[in-house]
Amino acid sequence: MPTIKDIQSIAKNRSIQLPKKIRKANMIHILQEKEGNSPCYSKQECTNKICLWYIDCQKEFNKNKK
């Protein structure tokens, strides 16, 4: 499960500027959009198991679904 620091490090390595005060899901949405993908983290059930965020995403999705 990626931490906030992990996500910030990924963004920095990709030269993506993230706002200072932002939720984890929104950080990931920004990264997904910059990659040219849909900002779908924790919004839907997914089968894209090669996605970097897949495991954490589906845990969040199932937690929010309840």
PDB file of N, CA and C in Angstrom:
ATOM      1  N   MET A   1       0.849  -1.175   0.000  1.00  0.00           N
ATOM      2  CA  MET A   1       0.000   0.000   0.000  1.00  0.00           C
ATOM      3  C   MET A   1       0.895   1.237   0.000  1.00  0.00           C
ATOM      4  N   PRO A   2       0.806   2.067  -1.033  1.00  0.00           N
ATOM      5  CA  PRO A   2       1.665   3.252  -1.091  1.00  0.00           C
ATOM      6  C   PRO A   2       1.264   4.282  -0.033  1.00  0.00           C
ATOM      7  N   THR A   3       2.273   4.833   0.605  1.00  0.00           N
ATOM      8  CA  THR A   3       2.039   5.887   1.593  1.00  0.00           C
ATOM      9  C   THR A   3       2.023   7.239   0.890  1.00  0.00           C
ATOM     10  N   ILE A   4       1.650   8.264   1.640  1.00  0.00           N
ATOM     11  CA  ILE A   4       1.668   9.632   1.096  1.00  0.00           C
ATOM     12  C   ILE A   4       3.081   9.972   0.618  1.00  0.00           C
ATOM     13  N   LYS A   5       4.079   9.610   1.402  1.00  0.00           N
ATOM     14  CA  LYS A   5       5.471   9.887   1.010  1.00  0.00           C
ATOM     15  C   LYS A   5       5.846   9.143  -0.275  1.00  0.00           C
ATOM     16  N   ASP A   6       5.374   7.909  -0.415  1.00  0.00           N
ATOM     17  CA  ASP A   6       5.630   7.147  -1.644  1.00  0.00           C
ATOM     18  C   ASP A   6       5.029   7.877  -2.854  1.00  0.00           C
ATOM     19  N   ILE A   7       3.804   8.338  -2.697  1.00  0.00           N
ATOM     20  CA  ILE A   7       3.110   9.019  -3.793  1.00  0.00           C
ATOM     21  C   ILE A   7       3.817  10.327  -4.128  1.00  0.00           C
ATOM     22  N   GLN A   8       4.225  11.062  -3.113  1.00  0.00           N
ATOM     23  CA  GLN A   8       4.949  12.310  -3.338  1.00  0.00           C
ATOM     24  C   GLN A   8       6.272  12.052  -4.051  1.00  0.00           C
ATOM     25  N   SER A   9       6.939  10.972  -3.691  1.00  0.00           N
ATOM     26  CA  SER A   9       8.200  10.613  -4.334  1.00  0.00           C
ATOM     27  C   SER A   9       7.983  10.254  -5.805  1.00  0.00           C
ATOM     28  N   ILE A  10       6.939   9.508  -6.085  1.00  0.00           N
ATOM     29  CA  ILE A  10       6.606   9.157  -7.476  1.00  0.00           C
ATOM     30  C   ILE A  10       6.337  10.432  -8.274  1.00  0.00           C
ATOM     31  N   ALA A  11       5.565  11.342  -7.698  1.00  0.00           N
ATOM     32  CA  ALA A  11       5.256  12.599  -8.380  1.00  0.00           C
ATOM     33  C   ALA A  11       6.532  13.397  -8.640  1.00  0.00           C
ATOM     34  N   LYS A  12       7.394  13.482  -7.651  1.00  0.00           N
ATOM     35  CA  LYS A  12       8.644  14.230  -7.799  1.00  0.00           C
ATOM     36  C   LYS A  12       9.510  13.620  -8.894  1.00  0.00           C
ATOM     37  N   ASN A  13       9.618  12.287  -8.910  1.00  0.00           N
ATOM     38  CA  ASN A  13      10.419  11.604  -9.939  1.00  0.00           C
ATOM     39  C   ASN A  13       9.868  11.835 -11.339  1.00  0.00           C
ATOM     40  N   ARG A  14       8.573  12.084 -11.433  1.00  0.00           N
ATOM     41  CA  ARG A  14       7.927  12.333 -12.734  1.00  0.00           C
ATOM     42  C   ARG A  14       7.743  13.821 -13.018  1.00  0.00           C
ATOM     43  N   SER A  15       8.334  14.658 -12.164  1.00  0.00           N
ATOM     44  CA  SER A  15       8.246  16.122 -12.293  1.00  0.00           C
ATOM     45  C   SER A  15       6.806  16.602 -12.299  1.00  0.00           C
ATOM     46  N   ILE A  16       5.995  16.019 -11.429  1.00  0.00           N
ATOM     47  CA  ILE A  16       4.592  16.407 -11.294  1.00  0.00           C
ATOM     48  C   ILE A  16       4.439  17.147  -9.974  1.00  0.00           C
ATOM     49  N   GLN A  17       3.950  18.359 -10.044  1.00  0.00           N
ATOM     50  CA  GLN A  17       3.743  19.181  -8.858  1.00  0.00           C
ATOM     51  C   GLN A  17       2.391  18.853  -8.237  1.00  0.00           C
ATOM     52  N   LEU A  18       2.383  18.483  -6.965  1.00  0.00           N
ATOM     53  CA  LEU A  18       1.146  18.206  -6.239  1.00  0.00           C
ATOM     54  C   LEU A  18       0.881  19.330  -5.244  1.00  0.00           C
ATOM     55  N   PRO A  19      -0.378  19.684  -5.042  1.00  0.00           N
ATOM     56  CA  PRO A  19      -0.699  20.684  -4.018  1.00  0.00           C
ATOM     57  C   PRO A  19      -0.245  20.194  -2.642  1.00  0.00           C
ATOM     58  N   LYS A  20       0.049  21.126  -1.749  1.00  0.00           N
ATOM     59  CA  LYS A  20       0.539  20.757  -0.412  1.00  0.00           C
ATOM     60  C   LYS A  20      -0.520  20.059   0.422  1.00  0.00           C
ATOM     61  N   LYS A  21      -1.726  20.588   0.448  1.00  0.00           N
ATOM     62  CA  LYS A  21      -2.799  19.992   1.254  1.00  0.00           C
ATOM     63  C   LYS A  21      -3.789  19.318   0.325  1.00  0.00           C
ATOM     64  N   ILE A  22      -3.649  18.000   0.249  1.00  0.00           N
ATOM     65  CA  ILE A  22      -4.487  17.234  -0.667  1.00  0.00           C
ATOM     66  C   ILE A  22      -4.628  15.805  -0.134  1.00  0.00           C
ATOM     67  N   ARG A  23      -5.770  15.227  -0.338  1.00  0.00           N
ATOM     68  CA  ARG A  23      -6.012  13.848   0.099  1.00  0.00           C
ATOM     69  C   ARG A  23      -5.250  12.864  -0.797  1.00  0.00           C
ATOM     70  N   LYS A  24      -4.963  11.709  -0.227  1.00  0.00           N
ATOM     71  CA  LYS A  24      -4.231  10.661  -0.935  1.00  0.00           C
ATOM     72  C   LYS A  24      -4.905  10.306  -2.258  1.00  0.00           C
ATOM     73  N   ALA A  25      -6.206  10.089  -2.232  1.00  0.00           N
ATOM     74  CA  ALA A  25      -6.926   9.714  -3.457  1.00  0.00           C
ATOM     75  C   ALA A  25      -6.774  10.786  -4.528  1.00  0.00           C
ATOM     76  N   ASN A  26      -6.843  12.040  -4.142  1.00  0.00           N
ATOM     77  CA  ASN A  26      -6.714  13.132  -5.115  1.00  0.00           C
ATOM     78  C   ASN A  26      -5.300  13.211  -5.678  1.00  0.00           C
ATOM     79  N   MET A  27      -4.307  12.891  -4.847  1.00  0.00           N
ATOM     80  CA  MET A  27      -2.929  12.852  -5.347  1.00  0.00           C
ATOM     81  C   MET A  27      -2.806  11.792  -6.444  1.00  0.00           C
ATOM     82  N   ILE A  28      -3.372  10.640  -6.178  1.00  0.00           N
ATOM     83  CA  ILE A  28      -3.307   9.549  -7.146  1.00  0.00           C
ATOM     84  C   ILE A  28      -4.098   9.901  -8.406  1.00  0.00           C
ATOM     85  N   HIS A  29      -5.233  10.565  -8.257  1.00  0.00           N
ATOM     86  CA  HIS A  29      -6.010  10.990  -9.427  1.00  0.00           C
ATOM     87  C   HIS A  29      -5.178  11.907 -10.322  1.00  0.00           C
ATOM     88  N   ILE A  30      -4.429  12.832  -9.720  1.00  0.00           N
ATOM     89  CA  ILE A  30      -3.578  13.728 -10.505  1.00  0.00           C
ATOM     90  C   ILE A  30      -2.527  12.919 -11.264  1.00  0.00           C
ATOM     91  N   LEU A  31      -1.895  11.973 -10.582  1.00  0.00           N
ATOM     92  CA  LEU A  31      -0.885  11.141 -11.255  1.00  0.00           C
ATOM     93  C   LEU A  31      -1.510  10.330 -12.394  1.00  0.00           C
ATOM     94  N   GLN A  32      -2.687   9.772 -12.153  1.00  0.00           N
ATOM     95  CA  GLN A  32      -3.357   8.999 -13.198  1.00  0.00           C
ATOM     96  C   GLN A  32      -3.648   9.875 -14.421  1.00  0.00           C
ATOM     97  N   GLU A  33      -4.134  11.084 -14.198  1.00  0.00           N
ATOM     98  CA  GLU A  33      -4.432  11.978 -15.318  1.00  0.00           C
ATOM     99  C   GLU A  33      -3.167  12.349 -16.084  1.00  0.00           C
ATOM    100  N   LYS A  34      -2.082  12.622 -15.362  1.00  0.00           N
ATOM    101  CA  LYS A  34      -0.819  12.976 -16.016  1.00  0.00           C
ATOM    102  C   LYS A  34      -0.270  11.815 -16.833  1.00  0.00           C
ATOM    103  N   GLU A  35      -0.596  10.592 -16.435  1.00  0.00           N
ATOM    104  CA  GLU A  35      -0.178   9.402 -17.187  1.00  0.00           C
ATOM    105  C   GLU A  35      -1.065   9.170 -18.403  1.00  0.00           C
ATOM    106  N   GLY A  36      -2.152   9.938 -18.513  1.00  0.00           N
ATOM    107  CA  GLY A  36      -3.078   9.754 -19.623  1.00  0.00           C
ATOM    108  C   GLY A  36      -4.165   8.731 -19.328  1.00  0.00           C
ATOM    109  N   ASN A  37      -4.317   8.395 -18.048  1.00  0.00           N
ATOM    110  CA  ASN A  37      -5.323   7.420 -17.635  1.00  0.00           C
ATOM    111  C   ASN A  37      -6.517   8.114 -16.990  1.00  0.00           C
ATOM    112  N   SER A  38      -7.563   7.368 -16.827  1.00  0.00           N
ATOM    113  CA  SER A  38      -8.748   7.862 -16.148  1.00  0.00           C
ATOM    114  C   SER A  38      -8.440   7.980 -14.653  1.00  0.00           C
ATOM    115  N   PRO A  39      -8.875   9.066 -13.995  1.00  0.00           N
ATOM    116  CA  PRO A  39      -8.650   9.209 -12.561  1.00  0.00           C
ATOM    117  C   PRO A  39      -9.674   8.384 -11.777  1.00  0.00           C
ATOM    118  N   CYS A  40      -9.491   7.090 -11.786  1.00  0.00           N
ATOM    119  CA  CYS A  40     -10.507   6.177 -11.267  1.00  0.00           C
ATOM    120  C   CYS A  40     -10.186   5.590  -9.893  1.00  0.00           C
ATOM    121  N   TYR A  41      -9.055   5.945  -9.305  1.00  0.00           N
ATOM    122  CA  TYR A  41      -8.631   5.358  -8.029  1.00  0.00           C
ATOM    123  C   TYR A  41      -9.762   5.363  -7.008  1.00  0.00           C
ATOM    124  N   SER A  42     -10.103   4.218  -6.518  1.00  0.00           N
ATOM    125  CA  SER A  42     -11.106   3.941  -5.472  1.00  0.00           C
ATOM    126  C   SER A  42     -12.529   4.340  -5.844  1.00  0.00           C
ATOM    127  N   LYS A  43     -12.775   4.570  -7.134  1.00  0.00           N
ATOM    128  CA  LYS A  43     -14.114   4.975  -7.577  1.00  0.00           C
ATOM    129  C   LYS A  43     -14.934   3.827  -8.147  1.00  0.00           C
ATOM    130  N   GLN A  44     -14.261   2.751  -8.551  1.00  0.00           N
ATOM    131  CA  GLN A  44     -14.985   1.674  -9.221  1.00  0.00           C
ATOM    132  C   GLN A  44     -14.277   0.343  -9.023  1.00  0.00           C
ATOM    133  N   GLU A  45     -15.025  -0.713  -9.228  1.00  0.00           N
ATOM    134  CA  GLU A  45     -14.421  -2.042  -9.212  1.00  0.00           C
ATOM    135  C   GLU A  45     -13.559  -2.159 -10.459  1.00  0.00           C
ATOM    136  N   CYS A  46     -12.432  -2.790 -10.317  1.00  0.00           N
ATOM    137  CA  CYS A  46     -11.456  -2.770 -11.398  1.00  0.00           C
ATOM    138  C   CYS A  46     -10.877  -4.158 -11.641  1.00  0.00           C
ATOM    139  N   THR A  47     -10.451  -4.390 -12.867  1.00  0.00           N
ATOM    140  CA  THR A  47      -9.792  -5.646 -13.207  1.00  0.00           C
ATOM    141  C   THR A  47      -8.389  -5.416 -13.763  1.00  0.00           C
ATOM    142  N   ASN A  48      -7.927  -4.172 -13.742  1.00  0.00           N
ATOM    143  CA  ASN A  48      -6.610  -3.819 -14.284  1.00  0.00           C
ATOM    144  C   ASN A  48      -5.524  -4.127 -13.248  1.00  0.00           C
ATOM    145  N   LYS A  49      -5.168  -5.374 -13.141  1.00  0.00           N
ATOM    146  CA  LYS A  49      -4.238  -5.824 -12.104  1.00  0.00           C
ATOM    147  C   LYS A  49      -2.804  -5.369 -12.312  1.00  0.00           C
ATOM    148  N   ILE A  50      -2.480  -4.811 -13.476  1.00  0.00           N
ATOM    149  CA  ILE A  50      -1.129  -4.296 -13.694  1.00  0.00           C
ATOM    150  C   ILE A  50      -0.997  -2.834 -13.270  1.00  0.00           C
ATOM    151  N   CYS A  51      -2.088  -2.234 -12.889  1.00  0.00           N
ATOM    152  CA  CYS A  51      -2.074  -0.842 -12.433  1.00  0.00           C
ATOM    153  C   CYS A  51      -1.260  -0.732 -11.143  1.00  0.00           C
ATOM    154  N   LEU A  52      -0.446   0.290 -11.039  1.00  0.00           N
ATOM    155  CA  LEU A  52       0.371   0.529  -9.857  1.00  0.00           C
ATOM    156  C   LEU A  52      -0.462   0.647  -8.585  1.00  0.00           C
ATOM    157  N   TRP A  53      -1.669   1.152  -8.706  1.00  0.00           N
ATOM    158  CA  TRP A  53      -2.518   1.437  -7.550  1.00  0.00           C
ATOM    159  C   TRP A  53      -3.558   0.344  -7.283  1.00  0.00           C
ATOM    160  N   TYR A  54      -3.579  -0.717  -8.067  1.00  0.00           N
ATOM    161  CA  TYR A  54      -4.666  -1.698  -8.042  1.00  0.00           C
ATOM    162  C   TYR A  54      -5.031  -2.219  -6.647  1.00  0.00           C
ATOM    163  N   ILE A  55      -4.084  -2.753  -5.920  1.00  0.00           N
ATOM    164  CA  ILE A  55      -4.391  -3.386  -4.627  1.00  0.00           C
ATOM    165  C   ILE A  55      -4.963  -2.356  -3.650  1.00  0.00           C
ATOM    166  N   ASP A  56      -4.282  -1.239  -3.500  1.00  0.00           N
ATOM    167  CA  ASP A  56      -4.748  -0.187  -2.588  1.00  0.00           C
ATOM    168  C   ASP A  56      -6.090   0.372  -3.054  1.00  0.00           C
ATOM    169  N   CYS A  57      -6.233   0.552  -4.349  1.00  0.00           N
ATOM    170  CA  CYS A  57      -7.466   1.089  -4.930  1.00  0.00           C
ATOM    171  C   CYS A  57      -8.667   0.217  -4.585  1.00  0.00           C
ATOM    172  N   GLN A  58      -8.512  -1.077  -4.778  1.00  0.00           N
ATOM    173  CA  GLN A  58      -9.645  -1.964  -4.536  1.00  0.00           C
ATOM    174  C   GLN A  58      -9.975  -2.092  -3.051  1.00  0.00           C
ATOM    175  N   LYS A  59      -8.969  -1.989  -2.189  1.00  0.00           N
ATOM    176  CA  LYS A  59      -9.221  -1.963  -0.739  1.00  0.00           C
ATOM    177  C   LYS A  59     -10.037  -0.726  -0.383  1.00  0.00           C
ATOM    178  N   GLU A  60      -9.643   0.430  -0.923  1.00  0.00           N
ATOM    179  CA  GLU A  60     -10.364   1.675  -0.659  1.00  0.00           C
ATOM    180  C   GLU A  60     -11.768   1.638  -1.241  1.00  0.00           C
ATOM    181  N   PHE A  61     -11.889   1.113  -2.451  1.00  0.00           N
ATOM    182  CA  PHE A  61     -13.199   1.019  -3.094  1.00  0.00           C
ATOM    183  C   PHE A  61     -14.149   0.176  -2.248  1.00  0.00           C
ATOM    184  N   ASN A  62     -13.681  -0.977  -1.818  1.00  0.00           N
ATOM    185  CA  ASN A  62     -14.526  -1.873  -1.016  1.00  0.00           C
ATOM    186  C   ASN A  62     -14.846  -1.283   0.342  1.00  0.00           C
ATOM    187  N   LYS A  63     -13.912  -0.552   0.927  1.00  0.00           N
ATOM    188  CA  LYS A  63     -14.148   0.097   2.212  1.00  0.00           C
ATOM    189  C   LYS A  63     -15.198   1.197   2.076  1.00  0.00           C
ATOM    190  N   ASN A  64     -15.105   1.969   0.999  1.00  0.00           N
ATOM    191  CA  ASN A  64     -16.045   3.083   0.769  1.00  0.00           C
ATOM    192  C   ASN A  64     -17.418   2.601   0.321  1.00  0.00           C
ATOM    193  N   LYS A  65     -17.454   1.399  -0.239  1.00  0.00           N
ATOM    194  CA  LYS A  65     -18.707   0.832  -0.755  1.00  0.00           C
ATOM    195  C   LYS A  65     -19.671   0.455   0.371  1.00  0.00           C
ATOM    196  N   LYS A  66     -19.139   0.159   1.530  1.00  0.00           N
ATOM    197  CA  LYS A  66     -19.956  -0.301   2.661  1.00  0.00           C
ATOM    198  C   LYS A  66     -20.758   0.785   3.299  1.00  0.00           C
TER     199      LYS A  66
END
